Amino acid sequence: MTPDAVRRPAIQVGLSTSSVYPESTAAAFEVASYLGYDGVEVMVGTDATSQDPEALKALSDHYQVPVLAIHSPCLLITQHVWGTDSWGKLQRAQRAAERVGARTVVVHPPFRWQREYAREFVTGLHRMGSETDVRFAVENMYPWRAGPGSVDAYLPDWDVRNDDYPHTTLDLSHTAVSRSNAIEMATDLGRRLAHVHLADGTDSNRDEHLVPGRGDQPVAPLLTLLAGTGFEGTVIAEISTRKAADHEARLADLAETLRFARLHLGQGPGPAAPRST
């Protein structure tokens, strides 16, 4: 058998628990199991279950859905989740990932007003990464836009290409807001690209997290690129369904997202549309 004929392991496609909001973290496990996702990424938020590694482990065991990643609480609305110390949050995210068997912790760059945290952010991540098998994958963000101007809200930088991170996350809704070329970003990151948030977006100052194919991002070409270049990370559907009319409409959007991912990763047409319940 020639090396080209060796079949690479299929890239896992997971579901972010944020994609079922305002439904619960527990509902995300059920949905992931029902639709056939390979696992979940837990967005640690105000839902108490998302903060509890033992509860997450129980859900994972019950639904036979692995936890692929933990998203550390670094949003404005989760400033007080797991305390207010930023390094403490990352340490708890690491412990949660180790408890549930997740390979990756997703983390945002610090906000500009978190100057002390930002000053040590890169070296601190290197230090933490040397002490665990968990990967800390720093996510690309975007300038905050208001009218014709913009504000650089993150330190050291919203563009993860500009700092020495061993592992990174590429979010396609964020590339839409920053008007970055997602293919160029993925290529520039190379082997440092460890994780992808699958979504779409338009030329908007809002972080839209659209179903793939409903915006202007090169989502299909990016997935094809990943499949063809030996990407060893995970693709996570992180779309917004908060405006879905009901549970069935939410399921339809999430099934469409999974079909899109499977198709363009070369894994077949994906699951059929969910039946009515």
C-alpha atoms as a PDB file:
ATOM      1  CA  MET A   1       0.000   0.000   0.000  1.00  0.00           C
ATOM      2  CA  THR A   2       1.387   3.424  -0.929  1.00  0.00           C
ATOM      3  CA  PRO A   3       1.474   6.220   1.685  1.00  0.00           C
ATOM      4  CA  ASP A   4      -1.162   8.143  -0.289  1.00  0.00           C
ATOM      5  CA  ALA A   5      -3.510   5.191   0.049  1.00  0.00           C
ATOM      6  CA  VAL A   6      -3.366   5.180   3.855  1.00  0.00           C
ATOM      7  CA  ARG A   7      -6.697   6.387   5.111  1.00  0.00           C
ATOM      8  CA  ARG A   8      -6.506   9.204   7.636  1.00  0.00           C
ATOM      9  CA  PRO A   9      -8.796   9.050  10.671  1.00  0.00           C
ATOM     10  CA  ALA A  10     -12.006  10.981  10.078  1.00  0.00           C
ATOM     11  CA  ILE A  11     -12.058  14.456  11.592  1.00  0.00           C
ATOM     12  CA  GLN A  12     -14.475  14.497  14.518  1.00  0.00           C
ATOM     13  CA  VAL A  13     -17.420  16.888  14.282  1.00  0.00           C
ATOM     14  CA  GLY A  14     -18.788  17.992  17.638  1.00  0.00           C
ATOM     15  CA  LEU A  15     -21.580  20.227  18.886  1.00  0.00           C
ATOM     16  CA  SER A  16     -21.039  23.227  21.141  1.00  0.00           C
ATOM     17  CA  THR A  17     -23.519  23.299  23.992  1.00  0.00           C
ATOM     18  CA  SER A  18     -23.965  27.008  23.181  1.00  0.00           C
ATOM     19  CA  SER A  19     -25.622  25.952  19.921  1.00  0.00           C
ATOM     20  CA  VAL A  20     -28.786  24.821  21.710  1.00  0.00           C
ATOM     21  CA  TYR A  21     -29.189  27.975  23.836  1.00  0.00           C
ATOM     22  CA  PRO A  22     -31.596  28.829  25.442  1.00  0.00           C
ATOM     23  CA  GLU A  23     -31.972  25.101  26.016  1.00  0.00           C
ATOM     24  CA  SER A  24     -29.721  23.567  28.638  1.00  0.00           C
ATOM     25  CA  THR A  25     -26.298  21.937  28.662  1.00  0.00           C
ATOM     26  CA  ALA A  26     -28.013  18.609  29.302  1.00  0.00           C
ATOM     27  CA  ALA A  27     -30.215  19.143  26.243  1.00  0.00           C
ATOM     28  CA  ALA A  28     -27.094  19.589  24.109  1.00  0.00           C
ATOM     29  CA  PHE A  29     -25.888  16.095  25.007  1.00  0.00           C
ATOM     30  CA  GLU A  30     -29.270  14.668  24.063  1.00  0.00           C
ATOM     31  CA  VAL A  31     -29.323  16.565  20.756  1.00  0.00           C
ATOM     32  CA  ALA A  32     -25.750  15.537  19.905  1.00  0.00           C
ATOM     33  CA  SER A  33     -26.643  11.896  20.515  1.00  0.00           C
ATOM     34  CA  TYR A  34     -29.877  12.105  18.539  1.00  0.00           C
ATOM     35  CA  LEU A  35     -28.333  13.790  15.488  1.00  0.00           C
ATOM     36  CA  GLY A  36     -25.137  11.750  15.435  1.00  0.00           C
ATOM     37  CA  TYR A  37     -22.486  14.309  16.372  1.00  0.00           C
ATOM     38  CA  ASP A  38     -19.172  12.821  17.471  1.00  0.00           C
ATOM     39  CA  GLY A  39     -19.186  14.653  20.782  1.00  0.00           C
ATOM     40  CA  VAL A  40     -19.731  18.010  22.461  1.00  0.00           C
ATOM     41  CA  GLU A  41     -17.793  21.094  23.424  1.00  0.00           C
ATOM     42  CA  VAL A  42     -19.035  22.408  26.754  1.00  0.00           C
ATOM     43  CA  MET A  43     -19.389  26.175  26.913  1.00  0.00           C
ATOM     44  CA  VAL A  44     -18.913  26.888  30.614  1.00  0.00           C
ATOM     45  CA  GLY A  45     -21.543  29.476  31.454  1.00  0.00           C
ATOM     46  CA  THR A  46     -24.267  30.350  33.901  1.00  0.00           C
ATOM     47  CA  ASP A  47     -25.942  26.930  33.577  1.00  0.00           C
ATOM     48  CA  ALA A  48     -24.775  25.159  36.744  1.00  0.00           C
ATOM     49  CA  THR A  49     -24.392  21.848  34.920  1.00  0.00           C
ATOM     50  CA  SER A  50     -21.795  23.349  32.582  1.00  0.00           C
ATOM     51  CA  GLN A  51     -19.662  24.245  35.618  1.00  0.00           C
ATOM     52  CA  ASP A  52     -19.777  20.783  37.210  1.00  0.00           C
ATOM     53  CA  PRO A  53     -17.334  18.182  35.833  1.00  0.00           C
ATOM     54  CA  GLU A  54     -19.100  15.341  37.644  1.00  0.00           C
ATOM     55  CA  ALA A  55     -22.449  16.278  36.102  1.00  0.00           C
ATOM     56  CA  LEU A  56     -20.806  16.531  32.679  1.00  0.00           C
ATOM     57  CA  LYS A  57     -19.203  13.119  33.111  1.00  0.00           C
ATOM     58  CA  ALA A  58     -22.580  11.636  34.046  1.00  0.00           C
ATOM     59  CA  LEU A  59     -24.227  13.160  30.958  1.00  0.00           C
ATOM     60  CA  SER A  60     -21.410  11.927  28.741  1.00  0.00           C
ATOM     61  CA  ASP A  61     -21.746   8.405  30.120  1.00  0.00           C
ATOM     62  CA  HIS A  62     -25.549   8.416  29.914  1.00  0.00           C
ATOM     63  CA  TYR A  63     -25.755   9.564  26.292  1.00  0.00           C
ATOM     64  CA  GLN A  64     -22.492   7.896  25.226  1.00  0.00           C
ATOM     65  CA  VAL A  65     -21.353  11.250  23.849  1.00  0.00           C
ATOM     66  CA  PRO A  66     -17.743  12.209  24.625  1.00  0.00           C
ATOM     67  CA  VAL A  67     -16.739  15.677  25.747  1.00  0.00           C
ATOM     68  CA  LEU A  68     -14.250  16.827  23.124  1.00  0.00           C
ATOM     69  CA  ALA A  69     -13.481  20.270  24.538  1.00  0.00           C
ATOM     70  CA  ILE A  70     -14.154  22.648  27.411  1.00  0.00           C
ATOM     71  CA  HIS A  71     -14.656  26.320  26.562  1.00  0.00           C
ATOM     72  CA  SER A  72     -13.326  28.326  29.478  1.00  0.00           C
ATOM     73  CA  PRO A  73     -15.673  31.063  30.789  1.00  0.00           C
ATOM     74  CA  CYS A  74     -14.142  34.180  29.189  1.00  0.00           C
ATOM     75  CA  LEU A  75     -17.189  36.056  27.911  1.00  0.00           C
ATOM     76  CA  LEU A  76     -18.394  39.324  29.400  1.00  0.00           C
ATOM     77  CA  ILE A  77     -21.500  37.568  30.736  1.00  0.00           C
ATOM     78  CA  THR A  78     -19.406  34.897  32.505  1.00  0.00           C
ATOM     79  CA  GLN A  79     -16.949  37.195  34.299  1.00  0.00           C
ATOM     80  CA  HIS A  80     -17.978  35.785  37.692  1.00  0.00           C
ATOM     81  CA  VAL A  81     -18.300  32.112  36.709  1.00  0.00           C
ATOM     82  CA  TRP A  82     -15.641  30.043  38.517  1.00  0.00           C
ATOM     83  CA  GLY A  83     -14.515  33.178  40.363  1.00  0.00           C
ATOM     84  CA  THR A  84     -12.929  36.322  38.995  1.00  0.00           C
ATOM     85  CA  ASP A  85      -9.285  35.231  38.746  1.00  0.00           C
ATOM     86  CA  SER A  86      -8.497  34.533  35.079  1.00  0.00           C
ATOM     87  CA  TRP A  87      -5.748  32.004  35.755  1.00  0.00           C
ATOM     88  CA  GLY A  88      -7.987  30.293  38.274  1.00  0.00           C
ATOM     89  CA  LYS A  89     -10.649  29.898  35.592  1.00  0.00           C
ATOM     90  CA  LEU A  90      -8.127  28.286  33.238  1.00  0.00           C
ATOM     91  CA  GLN A  91      -6.934  25.929  35.947  1.00  0.00           C
ATOM     92  CA  ARG A  92     -10.509  24.851  36.643  1.00  0.00           C
ATOM     93  CA  ALA A  93     -11.111  24.399  32.916  1.00  0.00           C
ATOM     94  CA  GLN A  94      -8.005  22.220  32.742  1.00  0.00           C
ATOM     95  CA  ARG A  95      -9.175  20.077  35.662  1.00  0.00           C
ATOM     96  CA  ALA A  96     -12.643  19.755  34.140  1.00  0.00           C
ATOM     97  CA  ALA A  97     -11.143  18.680  30.813  1.00  0.00           C
ATOM     98  CA  GLU A  98      -8.963  16.092  32.526  1.00  0.00           C
ATOM     99  CA  ARG A  99     -11.947  14.743  34.490  1.00  0.00           C
ATOM    100  CA  VAL A 100     -14.199  14.298  31.462  1.00  0.00           C
ATOM    101  CA  GLY A 101     -11.446  13.193  29.075  1.00  0.00           C
ATOM    102  CA  ALA A 102     -11.535  16.269  26.837  1.00  0.00           C
ATOM    103  CA  ARG A 103      -8.466  16.962  24.754  1.00  0.00           C
ATOM    104  CA  THR A 104      -8.836  20.730  24.409  1.00  0.00           C
ATOM    105  CA  VAL A 105      -9.590  23.847  26.441  1.00  0.00           C
ATOM    106  CA  VAL A 106     -10.702  26.789  24.299  1.00  0.00           C
ATOM    107  CA  VAL A 107      -9.724  30.201  25.637  1.00  0.00           C
ATOM    108  CA  HIS A 108     -10.086  33.788  24.396  1.00  0.00           C
ATOM    109  CA  PRO A 109      -7.267  36.340  24.522  1.00  0.00           C
ATOM    110  CA  PRO A 110      -7.603  38.686  27.512  1.00  0.00           C
ATOM    111  CA  PHE A 111      -9.612  41.875  27.302  1.00  0.00           C
ATOM    112  CA  ARG A 112      -7.520  45.052  27.165  1.00  0.00           C
ATOM    113  CA  TRP A 113      -8.473  46.000  30.712  1.00  0.00           C
ATOM    114  CA  GLN A 114      -7.090  42.692  32.030  1.00  0.00           C
ATOM    115  CA  ARG A 115      -3.579  44.089  31.720  1.00  0.00           C
ATOM    116  CA  GLU A 116      -1.800  41.950  34.299  1.00  0.00           C
ATOM    117  CA  TYR A 117      -3.354  38.762  32.932  1.00  0.00           C
ATOM    118  CA  ALA A 118      -2.536  39.848  29.367  1.00  0.00           C
ATOM    119  CA  ARG A 119       1.088  40.600  30.248  1.00  0.00           C
ATOM    120  CA  GLU A 120       1.707  36.978  31.261  1.00  0.00           C
ATOM    121  CA  PHE A 121      -0.829  35.331  28.956  1.00  0.00           C
ATOM    122  CA  VAL A 122       1.482  33.790  26.351  1.00  0.00           C
ATOM    123  CA  THR A 123       4.169  32.605  28.770  1.00  0.00           C
ATOM    124  CA  GLY A 124       1.532  31.437  31.238  1.00  0.00           C
ATOM    125  CA  LEU A 125      -0.157  29.250  28.635  1.00  0.00           C
ATOM    126  CA  HIS A 126       3.194  27.713  27.737  1.00  0.00           C
ATOM    127  CA  ARG A 127       3.783  26.957  31.406  1.00  0.00           C
ATOM    128  CA  MET A 128       0.348  25.406  31.899  1.00  0.00           C
ATOM    129  CA  GLY A 129       0.646  23.425  28.682  1.00  0.00           C
ATOM    130  CA  SER A 130       3.885  21.852  29.896  1.00  0.00           C
ATOM    131  CA  GLU A 131       2.082  20.428  32.923  1.00  0.00           C
ATOM    132  CA  THR A 132      -0.794  18.602  31.208  1.00  0.00           C
ATOM    133  CA  ASP A 133      -1.780  16.745  28.051  1.00  0.00           C
ATOM    134  CA  VAL A 134      -4.714  19.156  27.629  1.00  0.00           C
ATOM    135  CA  ARG A 135      -4.205  21.665  24.803  1.00  0.00           C
ATOM    136  CA  PHE A 136      -5.047  25.331  25.412  1.00  0.00           C
ATOM    137  CA  ALA A 137      -6.315  26.496  22.018  1.00  0.00           C
ATOM    138  CA  VAL A 138      -6.505  30.313  21.856  1.00  0.00           C
ATOM    139  CA  GLU A 139      -9.365  31.577  19.699  1.00  0.00           C
ATOM    140  CA  ASN A 140      -9.155  34.291  17.033  1.00  0.00           C
ATOM    141  CA  MET A 141     -11.328  37.256  17.974  1.00  0.00           C
ATOM    142  CA  TYR A 142     -12.035  40.587  16.220  1.00  0.00           C
ATOM    143  CA  PRO A 143     -11.950  44.348  16.674  1.00  0.00           C
ATOM    144  CA  TRP A 144     -15.125  45.762  18.174  1.00  0.00           C
ATOM    145  CA  ARG A 145     -16.752  47.876  15.492  1.00  0.00           C
ATOM    146  CA  ALA A 146     -19.048  50.845  16.070  1.00  0.00           C
ATOM    147  CA  GLY A 147     -19.982  52.887  13.033  1.00  0.00           C
ATOM    148  CA  PRO A 148     -16.952  53.590  10.829  1.00  0.00           C
ATOM    149  CA  GLY A 149     -14.438  53.028  13.628  1.00  0.00           C
ATOM    150  CA  SER A 150     -13.177  50.046  15.596  1.00  0.00           C
ATOM    151  CA  VAL A 151     -11.609  49.305  18.959  1.00  0.00           C
ATOM    152  CA  ASP A 152      -8.949  46.680  19.617  1.00  0.00           C
ATOM    153  CA  ALA A 153     -10.589  45.057  22.623  1.00  0.00           C
ATOM    154  CA  TYR A 154      -8.100  42.227  23.179  1.00  0.00           C
ATOM    155  CA  LEU A 155      -4.499  41.877  24.343  1.00  0.00           C
ATOM    156  CA  PRO A 156      -1.969  40.822  23.205  1.00  0.00           C
ATOM    157  CA  ASP A 157      -3.989  40.746  19.938  1.00  0.00           C
ATOM    158  CA  TRP A 158      -7.304  39.569  18.531  1.00  0.00           C
ATOM    159  CA  ASP A 159      -5.385  37.855  15.673  1.00  0.00           C
ATOM    160  CA  VAL A 160      -3.832  34.693  17.086  1.00  0.00           C
ATOM    161  CA  ARG A 161      -1.286  34.552  14.266  1.00  0.00           C
ATOM    162  CA  ASN A 162       0.597  37.386  15.922  1.00  0.00           C
ATOM    163  CA  ASP A 163       1.553  35.574  19.122  1.00  0.00           C
ATOM    164  CA  ASP A 164       3.424  32.419  20.020  1.00  0.00           C
ATOM    165  CA  TYR A 165       0.560  30.092  20.895  1.00  0.00           C
ATOM    166  CA  PRO A 166       1.278  26.355  20.504  1.00  0.00           C
ATOM    167  CA  HIS A 167      -2.421  25.681  19.813  1.00  0.00           C
ATOM    168  CA  THR A 168      -5.167  27.853  18.347  1.00  0.00           C
ATOM    169  CA  THR A 169      -8.879  27.823  17.519  1.00  0.00           C
ATOM    170  CA  LEU A 170     -10.211  29.257  14.252  1.00  0.00           C
ATOM    171  CA  ASP A 171     -13.753  30.643  14.498  1.00  0.00           C
ATOM    172  CA  LEU A 172     -15.469  31.417  11.191  1.00  0.00           C
ATOM    173  CA  SER A 173     -18.001  33.820  12.659  1.00  0.00           C
ATOM    174  CA  HIS A 174     -15.108  35.808  14.119  1.00  0.00           C
ATOM    175  CA  THR A 175     -13.260  35.938  10.792  1.00  0.00           C
ATOM    176  CA  ALA A 176     -16.450  37.424   9.344  1.00  0.00           C
ATOM    177  CA  VAL A 177     -16.518  40.229  11.912  1.00  0.00           C
ATOM    178  CA  SER A 178     -12.801  40.977  11.510  1.00  0.00           C
ATOM    179  CA  ARG A 179     -13.036  40.589   7.702  1.00  0.00           C
ATOM    180  CA  SER A 180     -10.089  38.213   7.826  1.00  0.00           C
ATOM    181  CA  ASN A 181      -9.413  35.650   5.115  1.00  0.00           C
ATOM    182  CA  ALA A 182     -10.178  32.371   6.875  1.00  0.00           C
ATOM    183  CA  ILE A 183      -8.224  30.254   4.390  1.00  0.00           C
ATOM    184  CA  GLU A 184      -5.152  32.448   4.794  1.00  0.00           C
ATOM    185  CA  MET A 185      -5.504  32.340   8.564  1.00  0.00           C
ATOM    186  CA  ALA A 186      -5.736  28.546   8.614  1.00  0.00           C
ATOM    187  CA  THR A 187      -2.745  28.250   6.276  1.00  0.00           C
ATOM    188  CA  ASP A 188      -0.671  30.711   8.290  1.00  0.00           C
ATOM    189  CA  LEU A 189      -1.437  28.869  11.536  1.00  0.00           C
ATOM    190  CA  GLY A 190      -0.397  25.548  10.031  1.00  0.00           C
ATOM    191  CA  ARG A 191       0.102  22.845  12.647  1.00  0.00           C
ATOM    192  CA  ARG A 192      -0.779  25.315  15.403  1.00  0.00           C
ATOM    193  CA  LEU A 193      -4.407  25.097  14.263  1.00  0.00           C
ATOM    194  CA  ALA A 194      -5.895  22.570  16.674  1.00  0.00           C
ATOM    195  CA  HIS A 195      -9.596  23.375  16.771  1.00  0.00           C
ATOM    196  CA  VAL A 196     -12.251  24.929  14.522  1.00  0.00           C
ATOM    197  CA  HIS A 197     -15.547  26.586  15.425  1.00  0.00           C
ATOM    198  CA  LEU A 198     -17.806  25.908  12.474  1.00  0.00           C
ATOM    199  CA  ALA A 199     -20.186  28.765  11.691  1.00  0.00           C
ATOM    200  CA  ASP A 200     -20.700  31.501   9.122  1.00  0.00           C
ATOM    201  CA  GLY A 201     -21.130  35.260   9.087  1.00  0.00           C
ATOM    202  CA  THR A 202     -21.459  38.374   6.986  1.00  0.00           C
ATOM    203  CA  ASP A 203     -19.933  41.847   6.876  1.00  0.00           C
ATOM    204  CA  SER A 204     -21.566  42.816  10.136  1.00  0.00           C
ATOM    205  CA  ASN A 205     -20.339  44.229  13.431  1.00  0.00           C
ATOM    206  CA  ARG A 206     -22.298  41.436  15.143  1.00  0.00           C
ATOM    207  CA  ASP A 207     -20.892  37.983  15.929  1.00  0.00           C
ATOM    208  CA  GLU A 208     -23.645  36.150  14.051  1.00  0.00           C
ATOM    209  CA  HIS A 209     -22.728  32.432  14.204  1.00  0.00           C
ATOM    210  CA  LEU A 210     -24.891  31.547  11.223  1.00  0.00           C
ATOM    211  CA  VAL A 211     -25.533  28.064   9.876  1.00  0.00           C
ATOM    212  CA  PRO A 212     -22.687  27.263   7.439  1.00  0.00           C
ATOM    213  CA  GLY A 213     -23.590  28.346   3.927  1.00  0.00           C
ATOM    214  CA  ARG A 214     -25.835  31.212   5.035  1.00  0.00           C
ATOM    215  CA  GLY A 215     -23.070  33.820   5.179  1.00  0.00           C
ATOM    216  CA  ASP A 216     -20.118  34.842   3.044  1.00  0.00           C
ATOM    217  CA  GLN A 217     -17.289  32.911   4.683  1.00  0.00           C
ATOM    218  CA  PRO A 218     -15.345  30.234   2.717  1.00  0.00           C
ATOM    219  CA  VAL A 219     -16.631  27.503   4.996  1.00  0.00           C
ATOM    220  CA  ALA A 220     -16.775  24.689   2.427  1.00  0.00           C
ATOM    221  CA  PRO A 221     -13.269  25.374   1.022  1.00  0.00           C
ATOM    222  CA  LEU A 222     -11.872  25.529   4.542  1.00  0.00           C
ATOM    223  CA  LEU A 223     -13.325  22.132   5.477  1.00  0.00           C
ATOM    224  CA  THR A 224     -12.019  20.663   2.228  1.00  0.00           C
ATOM    225  CA  LEU A 225      -8.589  22.123   3.035  1.00  0.00           C
ATOM    226  CA  LEU A 226      -8.621  20.583   6.510  1.00  0.00           C
ATOM    227  CA  ALA A 227      -9.586  17.177   5.185  1.00  0.00           C
ATOM    228  CA  GLY A 228      -6.838  17.282   2.564  1.00  0.00           C
ATOM    229  CA  THR A 229      -3.960  18.487   4.719  1.00  0.00           C
ATOM    230  CA  GLY A 230      -3.982  16.052   7.620  1.00  0.00           C
ATOM    231  CA  PHE A 231      -5.741  18.283  10.160  1.00  0.00           C
ATOM    232  CA  GLU A 232      -5.572  16.453  13.487  1.00  0.00           C
ATOM    233  CA  GLY A 233      -7.933  18.648  15.461  1.00  0.00           C
ATOM    234  CA  THR A 234     -11.671  18.813  15.945  1.00  0.00           C
ATOM    235  CA  VAL A 235     -14.434  20.729  14.172  1.00  0.00           C
ATOM    236  CA  ILE A 236     -17.150  22.037  16.500  1.00  0.00           C
ATOM    237  CA  ALA A 237     -20.504  23.385  15.305  1.00  0.00           C
ATOM    238  CA  GLU A 238     -20.968  26.685  17.124  1.00  0.00           C
ATOM    239  CA  ILE A 239     -24.048  28.293  15.608  1.00  0.00           C
ATOM    240  CA  SER A 240     -26.742  30.479  17.123  1.00  0.00           C
ATOM    241  CA  THR A 241     -30.212  28.930  17.250  1.00  0.00           C
ATOM    242  CA  ARG A 242     -31.638  31.246  19.899  1.00  0.00           C
ATOM    243  CA  LYS A 243     -34.124  32.654  17.360  1.00  0.00           C
ATOM    244  CA  ALA A 244     -35.359  29.224  16.242  1.00  0.00           C
ATOM    245  CA  ALA A 245     -39.145  29.024  16.361  1.00  0.00           C
ATOM    246  CA  ASP A 246     -39.148  25.803  18.394  1.00  0.00           C
ATOM    247  CA  HIS A 247     -37.127  22.697  19.248  1.00  0.00           C
ATOM    248  CA  GLU A 248     -37.785  21.090  15.865  1.00  0.00           C
ATOM    249  CA  ALA A 249     -36.514  24.173  14.018  1.00  0.00           C
ATOM    250  CA  ARG A 250     -33.398  24.121  16.205  1.00  0.00           C
ATOM    251  CA  LEU A 251     -32.834  20.446  15.410  1.00  0.00           C
ATOM    252  CA  ALA A 252     -33.202  21.173  11.699  1.00  0.00           C
ATOM    253  CA  ASP A 253     -30.504  23.875  11.813  1.00  0.00           C
ATOM    254  CA  LEU A 254     -28.152  21.628  13.766  1.00  0.00           C
ATOM    255  CA  ALA A 255     -28.764  18.686  11.422  1.00  0.00           C
ATOM    256  CA  GLU A 256     -28.099  20.950   8.423  1.00  0.00           C
ATOM    257  CA  THR A 257     -24.834  22.066  10.005  1.00  0.00           C
ATOM    258  CA  LEU A 258     -23.718  18.485  10.578  1.00  0.00           C
ATOM    259  CA  ARG A 259     -24.615  17.479   7.019  1.00  0.00           C
ATOM    260  CA  PHE A 260     -22.624  20.441   5.686  1.00  0.00           C
ATOM    261  CA  ALA A 261     -19.594  19.483   7.760  1.00  0.00           C
ATOM    262  CA  ARG A 262     -19.673  15.807   6.825  1.00  0.00           C
ATOM    263  CA  LEU A 263     -20.133  16.572   3.134  1.00  0.00           C
ATOM    264  CA  HIS A 264     -17.257  19.029   2.834  1.00  0.00           C
ATOM    265  CA  LEU A 265     -14.952  16.984   5.031  1.00  0.00           C
ATOM    266  CA  GLY A 266     -15.468  14.149   2.562  1.00  0.00           C
ATOM    267  CA  GLN A 267     -17.364  11.975   5.038  1.00  0.00           C
ATOM    268  CA  GLY A 268     -20.502  11.445   2.944  1.00  0.00           C
ATOM    269  CA  PRO A 269     -23.788  13.332   2.936  1.00  0.00           C
ATOM    270  CA  GLY A 270     -24.244  13.207   6.703  1.00  0.00           C
ATOM    271  CA  PRO A 271     -27.430  12.416   8.630  1.00  0.00           C
ATOM    272  CA  ALA A 272     -30.922  12.782   7.259  1.00  0.00           C
ATOM    273  CA  ALA A 273     -33.055  15.648   8.444  1.00  0.00           C
ATOM    274  CA  PRO A 274     -34.526  14.897  11.892  1.00  0.00           C
ATOM    275  CA  ARG A 275     -37.969  13.394  11.965  1.00  0.00           C
ATOM    276  CA  SER A 276     -40.789  15.224  13.704  1.00  0.00           C
ATOM    277  CA  THR A 277     -41.289  14.248  17.326  1.00  0.00           C
END
